Structures are given as structure tokens and as C-alpha cells.
PDB file of all heavy atoms in Angstrom:
ATOM      1  N   VAL A   1      -7.802  -3.119 -13.393  1.00  0.00           N
ATOM      2  CA  VAL A   1      -7.705  -3.540 -14.799  1.00  0.00           C
ATOM      3  C   VAL A   1      -6.584  -4.559 -14.997  1.00  0.00           C
ATOM      4  O   VAL A   1      -5.443  -4.351 -14.562  1.00  0.00           O
ATOM      5  CB  VAL A   1      -7.470  -2.310 -15.700  1.00  0.00           C
ATOM      6  CG1 VAL A   1      -7.143  -2.745 -17.126  1.00  0.00           C
ATOM      7  CG2 VAL A   1      -8.693  -1.398 -15.686  1.00  0.00           C
ATOM      8  N   TYR A   2      -6.933  -5.660 -15.674  1.00  0.00           N
ATOM      9  CA  TYR A   2      -5.953  -6.681 -16.053  1.00  0.00           C
ATOM     10  C   TYR A   2      -5.412  -6.273 -17.423  1.00  0.00           C
ATOM     11  O   TYR A   2      -6.122  -6.301 -18.425  1.00  0.00           O
ATOM     12  CB  TYR A   2      -6.626  -8.041 -16.099  1.00  0.00           C
ATOM     13  CG  TYR A   2      -5.725  -9.198 -16.479  1.00  0.00           C
ATOM     14  CD1 TYR A   2      -4.406  -9.255 -16.051  1.00  0.00           C
ATOM     15  CD2 TYR A   2      -6.197 -10.241 -17.280  1.00  0.00           C
ATOM     16  CE1 TYR A   2      -3.582 -10.299 -16.392  1.00  0.00           C
ATOM     17  CE2 TYR A   2      -5.382 -11.307 -17.629  1.00  0.00           C
ATOM     18  CZ  TYR A   2      -4.072 -11.332 -17.192  1.00  0.00           C
ATOM     19  OH  TYR A   2      -3.257 -12.374 -17.537  1.00  0.00           O
ATOM     20  N   GLN A   3      -4.156  -5.866 -17.472  1.00  0.00           N
ATOM     21  CA  GLN A   3      -3.603  -5.259 -18.674  1.00  0.00           C
ATOM     22  C   GLN A   3      -3.685  -6.162 -19.904  1.00  0.00           C
ATOM     23  O   GLN A   3      -4.027  -5.700 -20.988  1.00  0.00           O
ATOM     24  CB  GLN A   3      -2.152  -4.840 -18.421  1.00  0.00           C
ATOM     25  CG  GLN A   3      -2.034  -3.627 -17.514  1.00  0.00           C
ATOM     26  CD  GLN A   3      -0.595  -3.281 -17.182  1.00  0.00           C
ATOM     27  OE1 GLN A   3      -0.027  -3.832 -16.250  1.00  0.00           O
ATOM     28  NE2 GLN A   3       0.001  -2.390 -17.931  1.00  0.00           N
ATOM     29  N   ALA A   4      -3.384  -7.436 -19.761  1.00  0.00           N
ATOM     30  CA  ALA A   4      -3.404  -8.336 -20.908  1.00  0.00           C
ATOM     31  C   ALA A   4      -4.808  -8.432 -21.513  1.00  0.00           C
ATOM     32  O   ALA A   4      -4.975  -8.448 -22.740  1.00  0.00           O
ATOM     33  CB  ALA A   4      -2.908  -9.720 -20.503  1.00  0.00           C
ATOM     34  N   GLN A   5      -5.811  -8.485 -20.663  1.00  0.00           N
ATOM     35  CA  GLN A   5      -7.178  -8.565 -21.171  1.00  0.00           C
ATOM     36  C   GLN A   5      -7.597  -7.245 -21.810  1.00  0.00           C
ATOM     37  O   GLN A   5      -8.287  -7.230 -22.839  1.00  0.00           O
ATOM     38  CB  GLN A   5      -8.145  -8.938 -20.043  1.00  0.00           C
ATOM     39  CG  GLN A   5      -9.550  -9.276 -20.550  1.00  0.00           C
ATOM     40  CD  GLN A   5     -10.406  -9.927 -19.485  1.00  0.00           C
ATOM     41  OE1 GLN A   5      -9.942 -10.213 -18.376  1.00  0.00           O
ATOM     42  NE2 GLN A   5     -11.666 -10.162 -19.809  1.00  0.00           N
ATOM     43  N   ALA A   6      -7.163  -6.140 -21.232  1.00  0.00           N
ATOM     44  CA  ALA A   6      -7.460  -4.830 -21.813  1.00  0.00           C
ATOM     45  C   ALA A   6      -6.826  -4.699 -23.193  1.00  0.00           C
ATOM     46  O   ALA A   6      -7.430  -4.152 -24.123  1.00  0.00           O
ATOM     47  CB  ALA A   6      -6.970  -3.722 -20.895  1.00  0.00           C
ATOM     48  N   GLN A   7      -5.610  -5.196 -23.357  1.00  0.00           N
ATOM     49  CA  GLN A   7      -4.948  -5.134 -24.654  1.00  0.00           C
ATOM     50  C   GLN A   7      -5.661  -6.011 -25.674  1.00  0.00           C
ATOM     51  O   GLN A   7      -5.728  -5.681 -26.856  1.00  0.00           O
ATOM     52  CB  GLN A   7      -3.488  -5.567 -24.511  1.00  0.00           C
ATOM     53  CG  GLN A   7      -2.640  -4.558 -23.742  1.00  0.00           C
ATOM     54  CD  GLN A   7      -1.305  -5.120 -23.313  1.00  0.00           C
ATOM     55  OE1 GLN A   7      -1.072  -6.326 -23.348  1.00  0.00           O
ATOM     56  NE2 GLN A   7      -0.409  -4.243 -22.883  1.00  0.00           N
ATOM     57  N   ALA A   8      -6.221  -7.125 -25.224  1.00  0.00           N
ATOM     58  CA  ALA A   8      -6.898  -8.051 -26.129  1.00  0.00           C
ATOM     59  C   ALA A   8      -8.278  -7.566 -26.544  1.00  0.00           C
ATOM     60  O   ALA A   8      -8.716  -7.813 -27.667  1.00  0.00           O
ATOM     61  CB  ALA A   8      -7.023  -9.421 -25.462  1.00  0.00           C
ATOM     62  N   GLN A   9      -8.983  -6.856 -25.640  1.00  0.00           N
ATOM     63  CA  GLN A   9     -10.374  -6.496 -25.906  1.00  0.00           C
ATOM     64  C   GLN A   9     -10.629  -5.005 -26.010  1.00  0.00           C
ATOM     65  O   GLN A   9     -11.686  -4.590 -26.483  1.00  0.00           O
ATOM     66  CB  GLN A   9     -11.273  -7.084 -24.807  1.00  0.00           C
ATOM     67  CG  GLN A   9     -11.258  -8.604 -24.780  1.00  0.00           C
ATOM     68  CD  GLN A   9     -12.157  -9.169 -23.690  1.00  0.00           C
ATOM     69  OE1 GLN A   9     -12.086  -8.733 -22.535  1.00  0.00           O
ATOM     70  NE2 GLN A   9     -12.996 -10.111 -24.060  1.00  0.00           N
ATOM     71  N   GLY A  10      -9.709  -4.188 -25.559  1.00  0.00           N
ATOM     72  CA  GLY A  10      -9.830  -2.750 -25.705  1.00  0.00           C
ATOM     73  C   GLY A  10     -11.038  -2.157 -25.003  1.00  0.00           C
ATOM     74  O   GLY A  10     -11.384  -2.510 -23.871  1.00  0.00           O
ATOM     75  N   ALA A  11     -11.725  -1.232 -25.706  1.00  0.00           N
ATOM     76  CA  ALA A  11     -12.834  -0.485 -25.117  1.00  0.00           C
ATOM     77  C   ALA A  11     -13.943  -1.402 -24.620  1.00  0.00           C
ATOM     78  O   ALA A  11     -14.609  -1.099 -23.621  1.00  0.00           O
ATOM     79  CB  ALA A  11     -13.379   0.505 -26.138  1.00  0.00           C
ATOM     80  N   GLU A  12     -14.154  -2.512 -25.285  1.00  0.00           N
ATOM     81  CA  GLU A  12     -15.211  -3.452 -24.874  1.00  0.00           C
ATOM     82  C   GLU A  12     -14.998  -3.921 -23.438  1.00  0.00           C
ATOM     83  O   GLU A  12     -15.935  -3.976 -22.635  1.00  0.00           O
ATOM     84  CB  GLU A  12     -15.230  -4.647 -25.819  1.00  0.00           C
ATOM     85  CG  GLU A  12     -16.251  -5.708 -25.472  1.00  0.00           C
ATOM     86  CD  GLU A  12     -16.181  -6.917 -26.387  1.00  0.00           C
ATOM     87  OE1 GLU A  12     -15.447  -6.866 -27.402  1.00  0.00           O
ATOM     88  OE2 GLU A  12     -16.854  -7.924 -26.091  1.00  0.00           O
ATOM     89  N   TYR A  13     -13.775  -4.251 -23.111  1.00  0.00           N
ATOM     90  CA  TYR A  13     -13.434  -4.710 -21.762  1.00  0.00           C
ATOM     91  C   TYR A  13     -13.544  -3.571 -20.753  1.00  0.00           C
ATOM     92  O   TYR A  13     -14.164  -3.718 -19.694  1.00  0.00           O
ATOM     93  CB  TYR A  13     -12.027  -5.289 -21.769  1.00  0.00           C
ATOM     94  CG  TYR A  13     -11.437  -5.574 -20.403  1.00  0.00           C
ATOM     95  CD1 TYR A  13     -11.925  -6.610 -19.603  1.00  0.00           C
ATOM     96  CD2 TYR A  13     -10.365  -4.817 -19.927  1.00  0.00           C
ATOM     97  CE1 TYR A  13     -11.364  -6.879 -18.359  1.00  0.00           C
ATOM     98  CE2 TYR A  13      -9.800  -5.089 -18.690  1.00  0.00           C
ATOM     99  CZ  TYR A  13     -10.302  -6.112 -17.906  1.00  0.00           C
ATOM    100  OH  TYR A  13      -9.752  -6.376 -16.669  1.00  0.00           O
ATOM    101  N   PHE A  14     -12.972  -2.431 -21.090  1.00  0.00           N
ATOM    102  CA  PHE A  14     -13.026  -1.292 -20.177  1.00  0.00           C
ATOM    103  C   PHE A  14     -14.470  -0.915 -19.849  1.00  0.00           C
ATOM    104  O   PHE A  14     -14.824  -0.706 -18.684  1.00  0.00           O
ATOM    105  CB  PHE A  14     -12.322  -0.085 -20.797  1.00  0.00           C
ATOM    106  CG  PHE A  14     -10.819  -0.163 -20.794  1.00  0.00           C
ATOM    107  CD1 PHE A  14     -10.101   0.044 -21.963  1.00  0.00           C
ATOM    108  CD2 PHE A  14     -10.117  -0.399 -19.624  1.00  0.00           C
ATOM    109  CE1 PHE A  14      -8.713   0.005 -21.965  1.00  0.00           C
ATOM    110  CE2 PHE A  14      -8.730  -0.438 -19.609  1.00  0.00           C
ATOM    111  CZ  PHE A  14      -8.028  -0.242 -20.784  1.00  0.00           C
ATOM    112  N   ASP A  15     -15.305  -0.815 -20.866  1.00  0.00           N
ATOM    113  CA  ASP A  15     -16.673  -0.347 -20.660  1.00  0.00           C
ATOM    114  C   ASP A  15     -17.518  -1.351 -19.894  1.00  0.00           C
ATOM    115  O   ASP A  15     -18.392  -0.971 -19.104  1.00  0.00           O
ATOM    116  CB  ASP A  15     -17.323  -0.025 -22.002  1.00  0.00           C
ATOM    117  CG  ASP A  15     -16.702   1.183 -22.683  1.00  0.00           C
ATOM    118  OD1 ASP A  15     -15.954   1.927 -22.010  1.00  0.00           O
ATOM    119  OD2 ASP A  15     -16.949   1.379 -23.892  1.00  0.00           O
ATOM    120  N   ALA A  16     -17.254  -2.634 -20.114  1.00  0.00           N
ATOM    121  CA  ALA A  16     -18.045  -3.656 -19.444  1.00  0.00           C
ATOM    122  C   ALA A  16     -17.627  -3.857 -17.990  1.00  0.00           C
ATOM    123  O   ALA A  16     -18.478  -4.027 -17.111  1.00  0.00           O
ATOM    124  CB  ALA A  16     -17.936  -4.978 -20.205  1.00  0.00           C
ATOM    125  N   GLU A  17     -16.336  -3.835 -17.730  1.00  0.00           N
ATOM    126  CA  GLU A  17     -15.823  -4.185 -16.406  1.00  0.00           C
ATOM    127  C   GLU A  17     -15.455  -2.989 -15.532  1.00  0.00           C
ATOM    128  O   GLU A  17     -15.483  -3.086 -14.302  1.00  0.00           O
ATOM    129  CB  GLU A  17     -14.595  -5.100 -16.561  1.00  0.00           C
ATOM    130  CG  GLU A  17     -14.858  -6.380 -17.339  1.00  0.00           C
ATOM    131  CD  GLU A  17     -15.819  -7.319 -16.625  1.00  0.00           C
ATOM    132  OE1 GLU A  17     -15.897  -7.262 -15.375  1.00  0.00           O
ATOM    133  OE2 GLU A  17     -16.510  -8.095 -17.306  1.00  0.00           O
ATOM    134  N   PHE A  18     -15.104  -1.858 -16.160  1.00  0.00           N
ATOM    135  CA  PHE A  18     -14.625  -0.707 -15.393  1.00  0.00           C
ATOM    136  C   PHE A  18     -15.247   0.584 -15.949  1.00  0.00           C
ATOM    137  O   PHE A  18     -14.537   1.479 -16.418  1.00  0.00           O
ATOM    138  CB  PHE A  18     -13.096  -0.637 -15.444  1.00  0.00           C
ATOM    139  CG  PHE A  18     -12.421  -1.872 -14.901  1.00  0.00           C
ATOM    140  CD1 PHE A  18     -12.043  -2.900 -15.749  1.00  0.00           C
ATOM    141  CD2 PHE A  18     -12.208  -2.014 -13.540  1.00  0.00           C
ATOM    142  CE1 PHE A  18     -11.443  -4.055 -15.247  1.00  0.00           C
ATOM    143  CE2 PHE A  18     -11.606  -3.152 -13.031  1.00  0.00           C
ATOM    144  CZ  PHE A  18     -11.225  -4.186 -13.886  1.00  0.00           C
ATOM    145  N   PRO A  19     -16.570   0.676 -15.886  1.00  0.00           N
ATOM    146  CA  PRO A  19     -17.264   1.796 -16.540  1.00  0.00           C
ATOM    147  C   PRO A  19     -17.009   3.164 -15.916  1.00  0.00           C
ATOM    148  O   PRO A  19     -17.261   4.184 -16.568  1.00  0.00           O
ATOM    149  CB  PRO A  19     -18.743   1.407 -16.406  1.00  0.00           C
ATOM    150  CG  PRO A  19     -18.791   0.518 -15.194  1.00  0.00           C
ATOM    151  CD  PRO A  19     -17.507  -0.262 -15.243  1.00  0.00           C
ATOM    152  N   GLU A  20     -16.521   3.217 -14.683  1.00  0.00           N
ATOM    153  CA  GLU A  20     -16.323   4.495 -14.017  1.00  0.00           C
ATOM    154  C   GLU A  20     -14.970   5.141 -14.314  1.00  0.00           C
ATOM    155  O   GLU A  20     -14.702   6.255 -13.854  1.00  0.00           O
ATOM    156  CB  GLU A  20     -16.472   4.327 -12.499  1.00  0.00           C
ATOM    157  CG  GLU A  20     -17.824   3.822 -12.055  1.00  0.00           C
ATOM    158  CD  GLU A  20     -18.952   4.742 -12.485  1.00  0.00           C
ATOM    159  OE1 GLU A  20     -18.768   5.979 -12.399  1.00  0.00           O
ATOM    160  OE2 GLU A  20     -20.001   4.229 -12.918  1.00  0.00           O
ATOM    161  N   LEU A  21     -14.127   4.473 -15.066  1.00  0.00           N
ATOM    162  CA  LEU A  21     -12.813   5.044 -15.357  1.00  0.00           C
ATOM    163  C   LEU A  21     -12.934   6.389 -16.065  1.00  0.00           C
ATOM    164  O   LEU A  21     -13.773   6.562 -16.957  1.00  0.00           O
ATOM    165  CB  LEU A  21     -12.007   4.099 -16.259  1.00  0.00           C
ATOM    166  CG  LEU A  21     -11.468   2.809 -15.649  1.00  0.00           C
ATOM    167  CD1 LEU A  21     -10.825   1.958 -16.740  1.00  0.00           C
ATOM    168  CD2 LEU A  21     -10.476   3.094 -14.534  1.00  0.00           C
ATOM    169  N   ASP A  22     -12.090   7.327 -15.680  1.00  0.00           N
ATOM    170  CA  ASP A  22     -11.953   8.544 -16.462  1.00  0.00           C
ATOM    171  C   ASP A  22     -11.228   8.198 -17.749  1.00  0.00           C
ATOM    172  O   ASP A  22     -10.604   7.135 -17.886  1.00  0.00           O
ATOM    173  CB  ASP A  22     -11.168   9.595 -15.675  1.00  0.00           C
ATOM    174  CG  ASP A  22     -12.017  10.293 -14.631  1.00  0.00           C
ATOM    175  OD1 ASP A  22     -13.063  10.848 -15.002  1.00  0.00           O
ATOM    176  OD2 ASP A  22     -11.643  10.258 -13.432  1.00  0.00           O
ATOM    177  N   ARG A  23     -11.312   9.119 -18.718  1.00  0.00           N
ATOM    178  CA  ARG A  23     -10.624   8.865 -19.983  1.00  0.00           C
ATOM    179  C   ARG A  23     -10.136  10.163 -20.606  1.00  0.00           C
ATOM    180  O   ARG A  23     -10.645  11.253 -20.311  1.00  0.00           O
ATOM    181  CB  ARG A  23     -11.525   8.115 -20.960  1.00  0.00           C
ATOM    182  CG  ARG A  23     -12.779   8.832 -21.369  1.00  0.00           C
ATOM    183  CD  ARG A  23     -13.690   7.915 -22.189  1.00  0.00           C
ATOM    184  NE  ARG A  23     -14.944   8.562 -22.514  1.00  0.00           N
ATOM    185  CZ  ARG A  23     -15.157   9.306 -23.597  1.00  0.00           C
ATOM    186  NH1 ARG A  23     -14.168   9.476 -24.474  1.00  0.00           N
ATOM    187  NH2 ARG A  23     -16.314   9.876 -23.818  1.00  0.00           N
ATOM    188  N   VAL A  24      -9.146  10.030 -21.452  1.00  0.00           N
ATOM    189  CA  VAL A  24      -8.704  11.127 -22.306  1.00  0.00           C
ATOM    190  C   VAL A  24      -9.667  11.163 -23.480  1.00  0.00           C
ATOM    191  O   VAL A  24      -9.798  10.169 -24.197  1.00  0.00           O
ATOM    192  CB  VAL A  24      -7.266  10.899 -22.804  1.00  0.00           C
ATOM    193  CG1 VAL A  24      -6.863  11.995 -23.791  1.00  0.00           C
ATOM    194  CG2 VAL A  24      -6.286  10.825 -21.642  1.00  0.00           C
ATOM    195  N   THR A  25     -10.350  12.263 -23.693  1.00  0.00           N
ATOM    196  CA  THR A  25     -11.237  12.348 -24.849  1.00  0.00           C
ATOM    197  C   THR A  25     -10.447  12.658 -26.115  1.00  0.00           C
ATOM    198  O   THR A  25     -10.701  12.069 -27.166  1.00  0.00           O
ATOM    199  CB  THR A  25     -12.340  13.398 -24.631  1.00  0.00           C
ATOM    200  OG1 THR A  25     -11.747  14.635 -24.236  1.00  0.00           O
ATOM    201  CG2 THR A  25     -13.286  12.944 -23.517  1.00  0.00           C
TER     202      THR A  25
END
């Protein structure tokens, strides 16, 4: 994960580029 892009796009970026990440529900 590129932190700056994650901060700019949030869930949209995570879900599109790194869908296998675990998460805190």
C-alpha cells in the first residue's frame, strides 16, 4: 500500500488494489 494514495482515496483504493487485506470491522 502506498500511504499517500490510500489517504487520498480511502476505501476505494484499498478495495481496488489490495482486496485481500484484513480489516477491523
